[in-house]
N, C-alpha and C. Protein backbone atom coordinates (compact mmCIF):
# COMPACT_ATOMS: atom_id res chain seq x y z
N ARG A 1 -38.54 -54.96 70.35
CA ARG A 1 -39.87 -55.39 70.45
C ARG A 1 -40.00 -56.22 69.13
N ARG A 2 -40.39 -57.37 69.15
CA ARG A 2 -40.60 -58.18 68.04
C ARG A 2 -42.05 -58.62 68.01
N MET A 3 -42.83 -58.36 66.84
CA MET A 3 -43.91 -58.88 66.59
C MET A 3 -44.19 -59.92 65.42
N ARG A 4 -45.19 -60.80 65.71
CA ARG A 4 -45.33 -61.79 64.69
C ARG A 4 -46.67 -61.28 63.66
N TYR A 5 -46.69 -61.13 62.69
CA TYR A 5 -48.01 -60.72 62.10
C TYR A 5 -48.55 -61.88 61.13
N SER A 6 -47.67 -62.72 60.53
CA SER A 6 -48.43 -63.75 59.79
C SER A 6 -47.33 -64.71 60.11
N ASP A 7 -47.41 -65.76 59.37
CA ASP A 7 -46.61 -67.27 59.26
C ASP A 7 -45.17 -66.72 59.01
N LYS A 8 -45.27 -65.97 57.94
CA LYS A 8 -44.20 -65.52 57.02
C LYS A 8 -43.22 -64.41 57.43
N THR A 9 -44.01 -63.52 58.22
CA THR A 9 -43.21 -62.09 58.26
C THR A 9 -43.08 -62.19 60.25
N SER A 10 -41.76 -61.97 60.41
CA SER A 10 -41.45 -61.36 61.81
C SER A 10 -40.90 -60.05 61.63
N ILE A 11 -41.59 -59.14 62.52
CA ILE A 11 -41.32 -57.95 62.31
C ILE A 11 -40.73 -57.43 63.62
N SER A 12 -39.44 -56.86 63.37
CA SER A 12 -39.07 -56.07 64.62
C SER A 12 -38.66 -54.61 64.47
N VAL A 13 -39.12 -53.96 65.68
CA VAL A 13 -39.22 -52.40 65.61
C VAL A 13 -38.40 -52.01 66.79
N ARG A 14 -37.57 -50.86 66.37
CA ARG A 14 -36.64 -50.50 67.36
C ARG A 14 -36.33 -49.17 66.98
N GLN A 15 -35.87 -48.36 68.05
CA GLN A 15 -35.25 -47.12 67.56
C GLN A 15 -34.08 -47.33 66.96
N ALA A 16 -34.17 -46.22 65.86
CA ALA A 16 -32.96 -46.15 64.72
C ALA A 16 -31.81 -45.47 65.53
N SER A 17 -30.67 -45.95 64.84
CA SER A 17 -29.70 -45.35 65.02
C SER A 17 -28.75 -44.87 63.92
N LYS A 18 -27.54 -43.88 64.00
CA LYS A 18 -27.27 -43.18 63.02
C LYS A 18 -26.60 -44.03 61.63
N PRO A 19 -26.28 -45.38 61.83
CA PRO A 19 -25.79 -46.08 60.70
C PRO A 19 -27.31 -46.81 60.17
N ASP A 20 -28.31 -46.24 60.78
CA ASP A 20 -29.44 -46.85 59.97
C ASP A 20 -30.15 -45.59 58.79
N ALA A 21 -29.39 -44.63 59.01
CA ALA A 21 -29.83 -43.49 58.28
C ALA A 21 -29.50 -43.74 56.57
N LYS A 22 -28.41 -44.14 56.25
CA LYS A 22 -28.15 -44.92 55.01
C LYS A 22 -29.33 -45.88 54.38
N ARG A 23 -29.26 -46.85 55.42
CA ARG A 23 -30.44 -47.77 54.88
C ARG A 23 -31.98 -47.23 54.66
N ILE A 24 -32.32 -46.22 55.45
CA ILE A 24 -33.36 -45.93 55.10
C ILE A 24 -33.71 -44.79 54.03
N SER A 25 -32.51 -44.12 53.61
CA SER A 25 -32.38 -43.68 52.26
C SER A 25 -32.62 -44.35 51.11
N ALA A 26 -32.14 -45.92 51.41
CA ALA A 26 -32.25 -46.69 50.32
C ALA A 26 -33.46 -47.63 49.99
N LEU A 27 -34.64 -47.02 50.84
CA LEU A 27 -35.86 -47.68 50.90
C LEU A 27 -36.69 -46.94 49.53
N ASP A 28 -37.30 -47.91 48.89
CA ASP A 28 -38.36 -47.32 47.83
C ASP A 28 -39.55 -47.07 48.67
N ALA A 29 -39.61 -45.93 49.09
CA ALA A 29 -40.77 -45.18 49.73
C ALA A 29 -42.05 -44.59 48.99
N SER A 30 -41.72 -44.97 47.66
CA SER A 30 -42.81 -44.14 46.30
C SER A 30 -43.99 -45.05 46.39
N ASN A 31 -45.24 -44.61 46.41
CA ASN A 31 -46.42 -44.88 46.10
C ASN A 31 -47.12 -44.54 45.03
N LYS A 32 -48.50 -45.08 44.75
CA LYS A 32 -49.06 -44.69 43.50
C LYS A 32 -50.58 -44.43 44.26
N THR A 33 -51.20 -43.29 43.71
CA THR A 33 -52.82 -43.19 44.00
C THR A 33 -53.60 -42.68 42.87
N ASP A 34 -54.84 -42.95 42.81
CA ASP A 34 -55.67 -42.83 41.98
C ASP A 34 -56.73 -41.84 42.55
N TYR A 35 -56.54 -41.34 43.86
CA TYR A 35 -57.53 -40.30 44.48
C TYR A 35 -56.75 -39.36 45.18
N VAL A 36 -57.20 -38.25 45.63
CA VAL A 36 -56.86 -36.99 46.50
C VAL A 36 -58.07 -36.54 47.28
N TRP A 37 -57.72 -35.98 48.39
CA TRP A 37 -58.86 -35.38 49.31
C TRP A 37 -58.68 -33.91 48.67
N GLN A 38 -59.79 -33.58 48.15
CA GLN A 38 -59.79 -32.15 47.65
C GLN A 38 -60.45 -31.28 48.51
N MET A 39 -59.94 -30.29 48.77
CA MET A 39 -60.48 -29.14 49.77
C MET A 39 -61.32 -27.95 49.01
N ASP A 40 -62.58 -27.92 49.84
CA ASP A 40 -63.43 -26.83 49.33
C ASP A 40 -63.51 -25.79 50.46
N LEU A 41 -63.06 -24.61 50.51
CA LEU A 41 -62.96 -23.63 51.57
C LEU A 41 -64.06 -22.63 51.45
N ARG A 42 -65.37 -22.69 51.98
CA ARG A 42 -66.12 -21.16 51.87
C ARG A 42 -66.09 -20.50 52.97
N GLU A 43 -65.68 -19.25 53.03
CA GLU A 43 -66.01 -18.25 53.99
C GLU A 43 -67.03 -17.33 53.87
N GLU A 44 -67.63 -17.03 54.83
CA GLU A 44 -68.98 -16.12 54.82
C GLU A 44 -68.97 -15.36 56.16
N ASP A 45 -69.91 -14.23 56.11
CA ASP A 45 -69.73 -13.52 57.21
C ASP A 45 -69.96 -14.01 58.56
N THR A 46 -70.88 -15.28 58.69
CA THR A 46 -71.17 -15.92 59.85
C THR A 46 -70.73 -17.29 59.90
N HIS A 47 -70.06 -17.72 58.87
CA HIS A 47 -69.41 -19.02 59.28
C HIS A 47 -68.43 -19.42 58.03
N ILE A 48 -67.68 -20.42 58.43
CA ILE A 48 -66.58 -20.89 57.52
C ILE A 48 -66.66 -22.24 57.44
N GLN A 49 -66.86 -22.60 56.37
CA GLN A 49 -67.10 -24.33 55.95
C GLN A 49 -66.00 -24.87 55.14
N VAL A 50 -65.28 -26.02 55.48
CA VAL A 50 -64.27 -26.68 55.03
C VAL A 50 -64.66 -27.98 54.75
N VAL A 51 -64.64 -28.58 53.65
CA VAL A 51 -65.22 -29.70 53.38
C VAL A 51 -63.97 -30.35 52.17
N PHE A 52 -63.97 -31.63 52.66
CA PHE A 52 -62.83 -32.56 52.19
C PHE A 52 -63.55 -33.40 51.53
N GLN A 53 -63.08 -33.85 50.01
CA GLN A 53 -64.04 -34.93 49.29
C GLN A 53 -62.91 -35.49 48.63
N ARG A 54 -63.25 -37.14 48.79
CA ARG A 54 -62.35 -38.00 47.73
C ARG A 54 -62.79 -37.61 46.56
N THR A 55 -61.72 -37.61 45.74
CA THR A 55 -61.96 -36.93 44.12
C THR A 55 -61.05 -38.04 43.49
N ARG A 56 -61.70 -38.82 42.46
CA ARG A 56 -60.68 -39.64 41.39
C ARG A 56 -60.01 -39.01 40.66
N LEU A 57 -58.60 -39.20 40.37
CA LEU A 57 -57.79 -38.41 39.47
C LEU A 57 -57.83 -38.90 37.88
N PRO A 58 -57.63 -38.26 37.39
CA PRO A 58 -57.91 -38.52 35.81
C PRO A 58 -56.94 -39.85 35.43
N ARG A 59 -55.79 -39.92 36.01
CA ARG A 59 -54.95 -41.03 35.95
C ARG A 59 -53.96 -41.27 37.20
N SER A 60 -53.44 -42.18 37.35
CA SER A 60 -52.50 -42.73 38.59
C SER A 60 -51.60 -41.80 38.77
N VAL A 61 -51.30 -41.34 39.77
CA VAL A 61 -50.28 -40.28 40.09
C VAL A 61 -49.24 -40.90 40.96
N GLU A 62 -47.72 -41.20 40.39
CA GLU A 62 -46.93 -41.36 41.43
C GLU A 62 -46.43 -40.56 42.40
N LEU A 63 -46.34 -40.80 43.90
CA LEU A 63 -46.13 -40.08 44.98
C LEU A 63 -44.60 -40.50 45.24
N ASP A 64 -43.79 -39.63 45.23
CA ASP A 64 -42.42 -39.79 45.64
C ASP A 64 -42.02 -38.93 46.91
N PHE A 65 -41.21 -39.39 47.74
CA PHE A 65 -41.22 -38.77 49.25
C PHE A 65 -39.71 -38.83 49.25
N ARG A 66 -38.77 -38.63 47.99
CA ARG A 66 -37.37 -38.70 48.21
C ARG A 66 -36.79 -37.42 49.09
N ASP A 67 -37.46 -36.50 48.94
CA ASP A 67 -36.84 -35.29 49.71
C ASP A 67 -36.90 -35.44 51.07
N SER A 68 -37.87 -35.79 51.72
CA SER A 68 -38.28 -36.02 52.85
C SER A 68 -37.31 -37.03 53.51
N ILE A 69 -37.16 -38.00 52.92
CA ILE A 69 -36.07 -39.41 53.52
C ILE A 69 -34.83 -38.65 53.24
N ASP A 70 -34.18 -37.88 52.37
CA ASP A 70 -32.99 -37.24 52.21
C ASP A 70 -32.95 -36.53 53.46
N ASP A 71 -33.96 -35.63 53.59
CA ASP A 71 -33.85 -34.69 54.89
C ASP A 71 -33.54 -35.39 56.18
N LEU A 72 -34.40 -36.42 56.38
CA LEU A 72 -34.18 -37.50 57.61
C LEU A 72 -32.77 -38.05 57.73
N GLU A 73 -32.38 -38.61 56.44
CA GLU A 73 -30.72 -38.88 56.64
C GLU A 73 -29.84 -37.93 57.47
N THR A 74 -30.16 -36.49 57.14
CA THR A 74 -29.27 -35.56 57.49
C THR A 74 -29.69 -34.84 58.88
N ASN A 75 -30.81 -35.27 59.20
CA ASN A 75 -31.32 -34.56 60.72
C ASN A 75 -31.87 -35.89 61.39
N LEU A 76 -31.45 -36.96 61.20
CA LEU A 76 -31.90 -38.17 62.10
C LEU A 76 -32.17 -38.11 63.63
N MET A 77 -30.74 -37.47 64.25
CA MET A 77 -31.15 -37.42 65.59
C MET A 77 -31.44 -36.17 66.02
N LYS A 78 -32.38 -35.39 65.28
CA LYS A 78 -32.80 -34.25 65.74
C LYS A 78 -34.35 -34.45 66.16
N HIS A 79 -35.07 -35.60 66.13
CA HIS A 79 -36.08 -35.77 66.29
C HIS A 79 -36.68 -36.64 67.51
N ALA A 80 -37.71 -36.49 68.12
CA ALA A 80 -37.93 -37.05 69.35
C ALA A 80 -38.01 -38.67 69.18
N LEU A 81 -38.29 -39.32 68.26
CA LEU A 81 -38.06 -40.66 68.07
C LEU A 81 -37.85 -41.22 66.50
N VAL A 82 -37.19 -41.99 66.28
CA VAL A 82 -37.17 -42.34 65.09
C VAL A 82 -37.16 -43.89 65.13
N LEU A 83 -38.07 -44.65 64.38
CA LEU A 83 -38.28 -46.10 64.84
C LEU A 83 -37.91 -46.75 62.93
N VAL A 84 -37.44 -47.94 63.14
CA VAL A 84 -37.21 -48.69 62.17
C VAL A 84 -37.70 -49.92 62.12
N ALA A 85 -38.06 -50.55 60.99
CA ALA A 85 -38.78 -51.95 61.15
C ALA A 85 -37.76 -52.93 60.35
N GLU A 86 -37.71 -54.14 60.97
CA GLU A 86 -36.69 -55.01 60.11
C GLU A 86 -37.40 -56.21 60.19
N SER A 87 -37.17 -56.97 59.16
CA SER A 87 -37.93 -58.30 58.71
C SER A 87 -36.68 -59.11 58.24
N THR A 88 -36.35 -60.04 58.93
CA THR A 88 -35.44 -61.00 58.62
C THR A 88 -33.96 -60.24 58.53
N GLY A 89 -33.67 -59.23 59.21
CA GLY A 89 -32.33 -58.45 59.18
C GLY A 89 -32.42 -57.71 58.02
N VAL A 90 -33.55 -57.09 57.53
CA VAL A 90 -33.52 -56.24 56.14
C VAL A 90 -34.40 -55.03 56.62
N LEU A 91 -33.92 -53.88 56.61
CA LEU A 91 -34.64 -52.56 57.22
C LEU A 91 -35.66 -52.53 56.23
N THR A 92 -36.99 -52.61 56.63
CA THR A 92 -38.19 -52.53 55.86
C THR A 92 -39.19 -51.33 56.11
N GLY A 93 -38.58 -50.44 56.96
CA GLY A 93 -39.63 -49.33 57.24
C GLY A 93 -39.46 -48.22 58.07
N PHE A 94 -39.58 -46.96 58.22
CA PHE A 94 -39.13 -46.16 59.30
C PHE A 94 -40.55 -45.28 59.73
N LEU A 95 -40.52 -44.65 60.83
CA LEU A 95 -41.69 -43.74 61.36
C LEU A 95 -40.70 -42.49 62.11
N VAL A 96 -41.06 -41.40 61.97
CA VAL A 96 -40.46 -40.46 62.54
C VAL A 96 -41.72 -39.69 63.60
N VAL A 97 -41.23 -39.36 64.73
CA VAL A 97 -42.20 -38.97 65.75
C VAL A 97 -41.62 -37.33 66.39
N ASP A 98 -42.41 -36.35 66.20
CA ASP A 98 -41.90 -35.29 67.14
C ASP A 98 -42.98 -34.96 68.00
N ILE A 99 -42.42 -33.97 68.87
CA ILE A 99 -43.38 -33.51 70.19
C ILE A 99 -43.80 -32.20 69.48
N GLY A 100 -45.28 -32.41 69.79
CA GLY A 100 -45.83 -31.10 69.50
C GLY A 100 -46.02 -30.24 70.57
N THR A 101 -46.14 -28.77 70.60
CA THR A 101 -46.44 -28.10 71.84
C THR A 101 -47.81 -27.94 72.33
N ALA A 102 -48.62 -28.03 71.44
CA ALA A 102 -50.08 -27.88 71.99
C ALA A 102 -50.72 -29.31 72.39
N GLN A 103 -51.33 -29.32 73.33
CA GLN A 103 -51.93 -30.66 73.66
C GLN A 103 -51.22 -31.67 74.05
N ASP A 104 -50.02 -31.38 74.30
CA ASP A 104 -49.07 -32.49 74.87
C ASP A 104 -48.96 -33.90 74.08
N ALA A 105 -49.10 -33.48 72.37
CA ALA A 105 -49.33 -34.69 71.60
C ALA A 105 -47.62 -35.01 70.75
N ALA A 106 -47.90 -36.08 70.43
CA ALA A 106 -47.10 -36.67 69.75
C ALA A 106 -47.21 -36.62 67.98
N ILE A 107 -46.21 -36.40 67.37
CA ILE A 107 -46.68 -36.23 65.73
C ILE A 107 -45.75 -36.86 65.11
N ILE A 108 -46.43 -37.63 64.28
CA ILE A 108 -45.74 -38.53 63.32
C ILE A 108 -45.78 -37.74 62.07
N THR A 109 -44.63 -37.36 61.67
CA THR A 109 -44.12 -36.47 60.49
C THR A 109 -43.78 -37.02 59.40
N ASN A 110 -43.47 -38.31 59.37
CA ASN A 110 -43.06 -39.52 58.20
C ASN A 110 -42.98 -40.76 58.85
N PHE A 111 -43.41 -41.42 57.55
CA PHE A 111 -43.40 -42.65 57.69
C PHE A 111 -43.47 -43.45 56.24
N ALA A 112 -42.92 -44.74 56.23
CA ALA A 112 -42.93 -45.41 55.00
C ALA A 112 -42.52 -46.93 55.03
N VAL A 113 -43.13 -47.44 54.21
CA VAL A 113 -42.57 -49.07 54.18
C VAL A 113 -42.11 -49.36 52.69
N GLU A 114 -41.03 -50.04 52.76
CA GLU A 114 -40.38 -50.32 51.49
C GLU A 114 -41.73 -51.03 50.53
N ARG A 115 -41.83 -50.31 49.44
CA ARG A 115 -42.78 -50.72 48.45
C ARG A 115 -42.93 -52.32 48.52
N SER A 116 -41.89 -53.03 48.25
CA SER A 116 -41.99 -54.57 48.00
C SER A 116 -42.56 -55.14 49.42
N MET A 117 -42.52 -54.56 50.39
CA MET A 117 -42.88 -55.26 51.75
C MET A 117 -44.31 -54.71 52.56
N ARG A 118 -45.02 -53.91 51.51
CA ARG A 118 -46.36 -53.46 52.23
C ARG A 118 -47.47 -54.43 52.23
N ARG A 119 -48.33 -53.92 52.87
CA ARG A 119 -49.41 -55.03 53.57
C ARG A 119 -49.00 -56.18 54.33
N ARG A 120 -48.11 -56.07 54.99
CA ARG A 120 -47.55 -57.10 55.96
C ARG A 120 -47.55 -56.71 57.23
N GLY A 121 -48.27 -55.66 57.74
CA GLY A 121 -48.20 -55.31 59.06
C GLY A 121 -47.08 -54.76 59.57
N ILE A 122 -46.24 -53.97 58.71
CA ILE A 122 -44.82 -53.31 59.04
C ILE A 122 -45.19 -51.89 59.51
N ALA A 123 -46.12 -51.10 59.08
CA ALA A 123 -46.56 -49.91 59.22
C ALA A 123 -47.29 -49.99 60.60
N THR A 124 -48.02 -51.02 60.82
CA THR A 124 -49.19 -50.99 61.85
C THR A 124 -48.05 -51.43 63.21
N ALA A 125 -47.15 -51.89 62.92
CA ALA A 125 -46.35 -52.46 64.22
C ALA A 125 -45.43 -51.02 64.66
N MET A 126 -45.08 -50.82 63.72
CA MET A 126 -44.38 -49.42 63.90
C MET A 126 -45.21 -48.07 64.68
N LEU A 127 -46.55 -48.29 64.28
CA LEU A 127 -47.56 -47.43 64.81
C LEU A 127 -47.76 -47.83 66.18
N VAL A 128 -48.07 -49.07 66.39
CA VAL A 128 -48.42 -49.57 67.75
C VAL A 128 -46.95 -49.12 68.64
N THR A 129 -45.99 -49.15 68.30
CA THR A 129 -44.54 -49.09 68.94
C THR A 129 -44.72 -47.29 69.34
N ALA A 130 -45.18 -46.53 68.38
CA ALA A 130 -44.83 -45.01 68.61
C ALA A 130 -45.93 -44.68 69.54
N ARG A 131 -47.14 -45.54 69.42
CA ARG A 131 -48.33 -45.16 70.58
C ARG A 131 -47.89 -45.58 71.76
N ASP A 132 -47.09 -46.80 72.06
CA ASP A 132 -46.84 -47.38 73.38
C ASP A 132 -45.71 -46.21 73.82
N TRP A 133 -44.95 -45.77 73.02
CA TRP A 133 -43.85 -44.66 73.56
C TRP A 133 -44.42 -43.33 73.95
N ALA A 134 -45.46 -43.12 73.11
CA ALA A 134 -45.89 -41.51 73.47
C ALA A 134 -46.93 -41.85 74.84
N SER A 135 -47.41 -42.71 75.00
CA SER A 135 -48.38 -43.24 76.10
C SER A 135 -47.04 -43.36 77.58
N ARG A 136 -46.16 -43.92 77.34
CA ARG A 136 -45.34 -44.14 78.29
C ARG A 136 -44.80 -42.58 78.64
N ALA A 137 -44.41 -41.85 77.62
CA ALA A 137 -43.76 -40.27 77.62
C ALA A 137 -44.94 -39.38 78.46
N GLY A 138 -46.20 -39.97 78.44
CA GLY A 138 -47.31 -39.06 79.09
C GLY A 138 -48.10 -38.02 78.66
N LEU A 139 -47.83 -38.45 77.07
CA LEU A 139 -48.39 -37.44 76.21
C LEU A 139 -50.03 -38.01 76.02
N ASN A 140 -50.70 -36.90 75.55
CA ASN A 140 -52.21 -37.21 75.64
C ASN A 140 -52.70 -37.51 74.32
N ARG A 141 -52.15 -37.15 73.15
CA ARG A 141 -52.56 -37.51 71.78
C ARG A 141 -51.38 -37.94 70.92
N LEU A 142 -51.94 -38.92 69.81
CA LEU A 142 -50.71 -38.95 68.69
C LEU A 142 -51.24 -38.76 67.59
N ILE A 143 -50.65 -37.87 66.78
CA ILE A 143 -51.34 -37.18 65.58
C ILE A 143 -50.21 -37.69 64.38
N ILE A 144 -50.85 -38.00 63.36
CA ILE A 144 -50.24 -38.26 61.91
C ILE A 144 -50.69 -37.10 60.74
N VAL A 145 -49.60 -36.83 60.40
CA VAL A 145 -49.51 -35.56 59.51
C VAL A 145 -49.21 -36.38 58.25
N THR A 146 -50.26 -35.96 57.18
CA THR A 146 -50.02 -36.76 55.75
C THR A 146 -50.47 -35.58 54.69
N GLN A 147 -49.87 -35.62 53.51
CA GLN A 147 -50.46 -34.81 52.42
C GLN A 147 -51.93 -35.35 51.89
N SER A 148 -52.69 -34.20 51.75
CA SER A 148 -53.90 -34.67 51.08
C SER A 148 -53.89 -35.33 49.55
N ARG A 149 -52.81 -35.68 49.31
CA ARG A 149 -52.77 -36.19 47.90
C ARG A 149 -52.44 -37.91 48.08
N ASN A 150 -51.96 -37.94 49.47
CA ASN A 150 -51.47 -39.37 49.84
C ASN A 150 -52.37 -40.06 50.49
N TYR A 151 -53.41 -40.62 49.34
CA TYR A 151 -54.81 -41.25 49.65
C TYR A 151 -54.16 -42.66 50.30
N PRO A 152 -52.90 -43.45 50.05
CA PRO A 152 -53.18 -44.41 50.59
C PRO A 152 -52.78 -44.13 52.03
N ALA A 153 -51.75 -43.41 52.47
CA ALA A 153 -51.76 -43.08 53.97
C ALA A 153 -52.82 -42.65 54.60
N ILE A 154 -53.94 -41.76 53.93
CA ILE A 154 -54.89 -41.56 54.60
C ILE A 154 -55.90 -42.71 54.84
N CYS A 155 -55.93 -43.57 54.25
CA CYS A 155 -56.71 -44.92 54.40
C CYS A 155 -56.04 -45.66 55.55
N PHE A 156 -54.77 -45.73 55.66
CA PHE A 156 -53.89 -46.57 56.45
C PHE A 156 -54.57 -45.60 58.08
N CYS A 157 -54.31 -44.36 57.97
CA CYS A 157 -54.72 -43.63 59.10
C CYS A 157 -56.22 -43.94 59.72
N ARG A 158 -57.18 -43.91 58.72
CA ARG A 158 -58.40 -44.27 59.32
C ARG A 158 -58.55 -45.83 59.66
N ARG A 159 -58.13 -46.58 58.64
CA ARG A 159 -58.08 -48.00 59.30
C ARG A 159 -57.66 -48.42 60.52
N ASN A 160 -56.73 -47.71 61.18
CA ASN A 160 -56.16 -47.80 62.25
C ASN A 160 -56.58 -46.99 63.67
N GLY A 161 -57.91 -46.64 62.81
CA GLY A 161 -58.51 -45.70 64.20
C GLY A 161 -58.38 -44.36 64.37
N TYR A 162 -57.62 -43.72 63.53
CA TYR A 162 -57.31 -42.14 63.35
C TYR A 162 -58.21 -41.63 62.89
N THR A 163 -58.81 -40.42 63.49
CA THR A 163 -59.75 -39.54 63.30
C THR A 163 -59.13 -38.38 62.48
N TYR A 164 -59.74 -37.69 61.62
CA TYR A 164 -59.74 -36.50 60.96
C TYR A 164 -59.55 -35.44 62.20
N CYS A 165 -58.58 -34.60 62.13
CA CYS A 165 -58.89 -33.26 63.38
C CYS A 165 -58.12 -32.14 62.63
N GLY A 166 -57.65 -31.95 61.51
CA GLY A 166 -57.51 -30.70 61.08
C GLY A 166 -56.38 -30.70 59.86
N TYR A 167 -56.36 -29.63 59.45
CA TYR A 167 -55.48 -29.23 58.23
C TYR A 167 -54.49 -28.01 58.38
N ASN A 168 -53.83 -28.09 57.52
CA ASN A 168 -52.89 -26.66 57.39
C ASN A 168 -52.66 -26.63 55.63
N ASP A 169 -52.95 -25.62 54.69
CA ASP A 169 -52.90 -25.61 53.74
C ASP A 169 -51.49 -24.81 53.14
N SER A 170 -50.63 -24.60 54.35
CA SER A 170 -49.33 -24.06 53.89
C SER A 170 -48.31 -24.89 54.68
N TYR A 171 -48.32 -26.13 54.77
CA TYR A 171 -47.46 -26.89 55.93
C TYR A 171 -46.29 -27.40 54.93
N TYR A 172 -46.44 -27.91 53.99
CA TYR A 172 -45.48 -28.18 52.94
C TYR A 172 -44.96 -27.54 51.85
N SER A 173 -43.42 -27.24 51.70
CA SER A 173 -42.92 -26.55 50.98
C SER A 173 -43.61 -26.51 49.30
N ASN A 174 -43.80 -27.58 49.02
CA ASN A 174 -44.55 -27.75 47.72
C ASN A 174 -45.78 -27.42 47.46
N GLN A 175 -46.50 -26.62 48.61
CA GLN A 175 -47.88 -26.00 48.73
C GLN A 175 -48.79 -27.32 48.92
N ASP A 176 -48.53 -28.78 49.18
CA ASP A 176 -49.68 -29.62 49.53
C ASP A 176 -50.15 -29.33 50.49
N ILE A 177 -51.41 -29.61 50.91
CA ILE A 177 -52.06 -29.38 51.88
C ILE A 177 -52.06 -30.78 53.11
N ALA A 178 -51.34 -30.35 54.26
CA ALA A 178 -51.33 -31.12 55.31
C ALA A 178 -52.72 -31.62 55.96
N LEU A 179 -53.15 -32.99 56.14
CA LEU A 179 -54.06 -33.52 56.94
C LEU A 179 -53.76 -34.04 58.35
N PHE A 180 -54.49 -33.58 59.44
CA PHE A 180 -54.02 -34.32 60.63
C PHE A 180 -55.01 -35.13 60.81
N PHE A 181 -54.74 -36.62 61.65
CA PHE A 181 -55.42 -37.49 62.09
C PHE A 181 -54.94 -37.83 63.44
N GLY A 182 -55.72 -37.70 64.15
CA GLY A 182 -55.44 -38.11 65.98
C GLY A 182 -56.09 -38.93 66.69
N MET A 183 -55.59 -39.45 67.36
CA MET A 183 -56.17 -40.48 68.57
C MET A 183 -55.65 -40.01 69.84
N LYS A 184 -56.77 -39.98 70.57
CA LYS A 184 -56.36 -39.63 72.13
C LYS A 184 -55.84 -41.00 72.69
N LEU A 185 -54.78 -40.80 73.70
CA LEU A 185 -54.05 -41.81 74.28
C LEU A 185 -54.44 -42.07 75.67
N ARG A 186 -55.15 -40.88 76.25
CA ARG A 186 -55.62 -41.06 77.54
C ARG A 186 -56.89 -40.72 77.82
């Protein structure tokens, strides 16, 4: 699938193959944030209240996802779908989809675009391809998982029409809270 998002950028999105693993691990998937979604949980006898509030950090924090990318290199073929994006023959991003057991959902567990290639429609092109794939597979929802501290990814999800649909406070090994953003496909 080839999409043109600007006069300068032609993006090709395709299913990853084993040789792509090394190219994926070479991506600079790091990011920087000035915000985090902070969770406030209040439990009482008659109700439970969970509030996520955008909080400005005292200083910018560098987000590094090297561990999840290194794991992807080892386990590339174990996922339901791994997409890669290319622009002029250069691998510029990846997106990982797994199948959830509840609600017949496809779950995007990891995605990134090369730092120098961001804001060119690459992540959106991969997201559209994943959504098309999930629809053709007969799935009802597409869910994106991201860390509560990954404010750029949260903004991306919301900008693309995905709405907050839950959290898991022990999802990641580093104890970061996972936020779930979803979209109905049918």
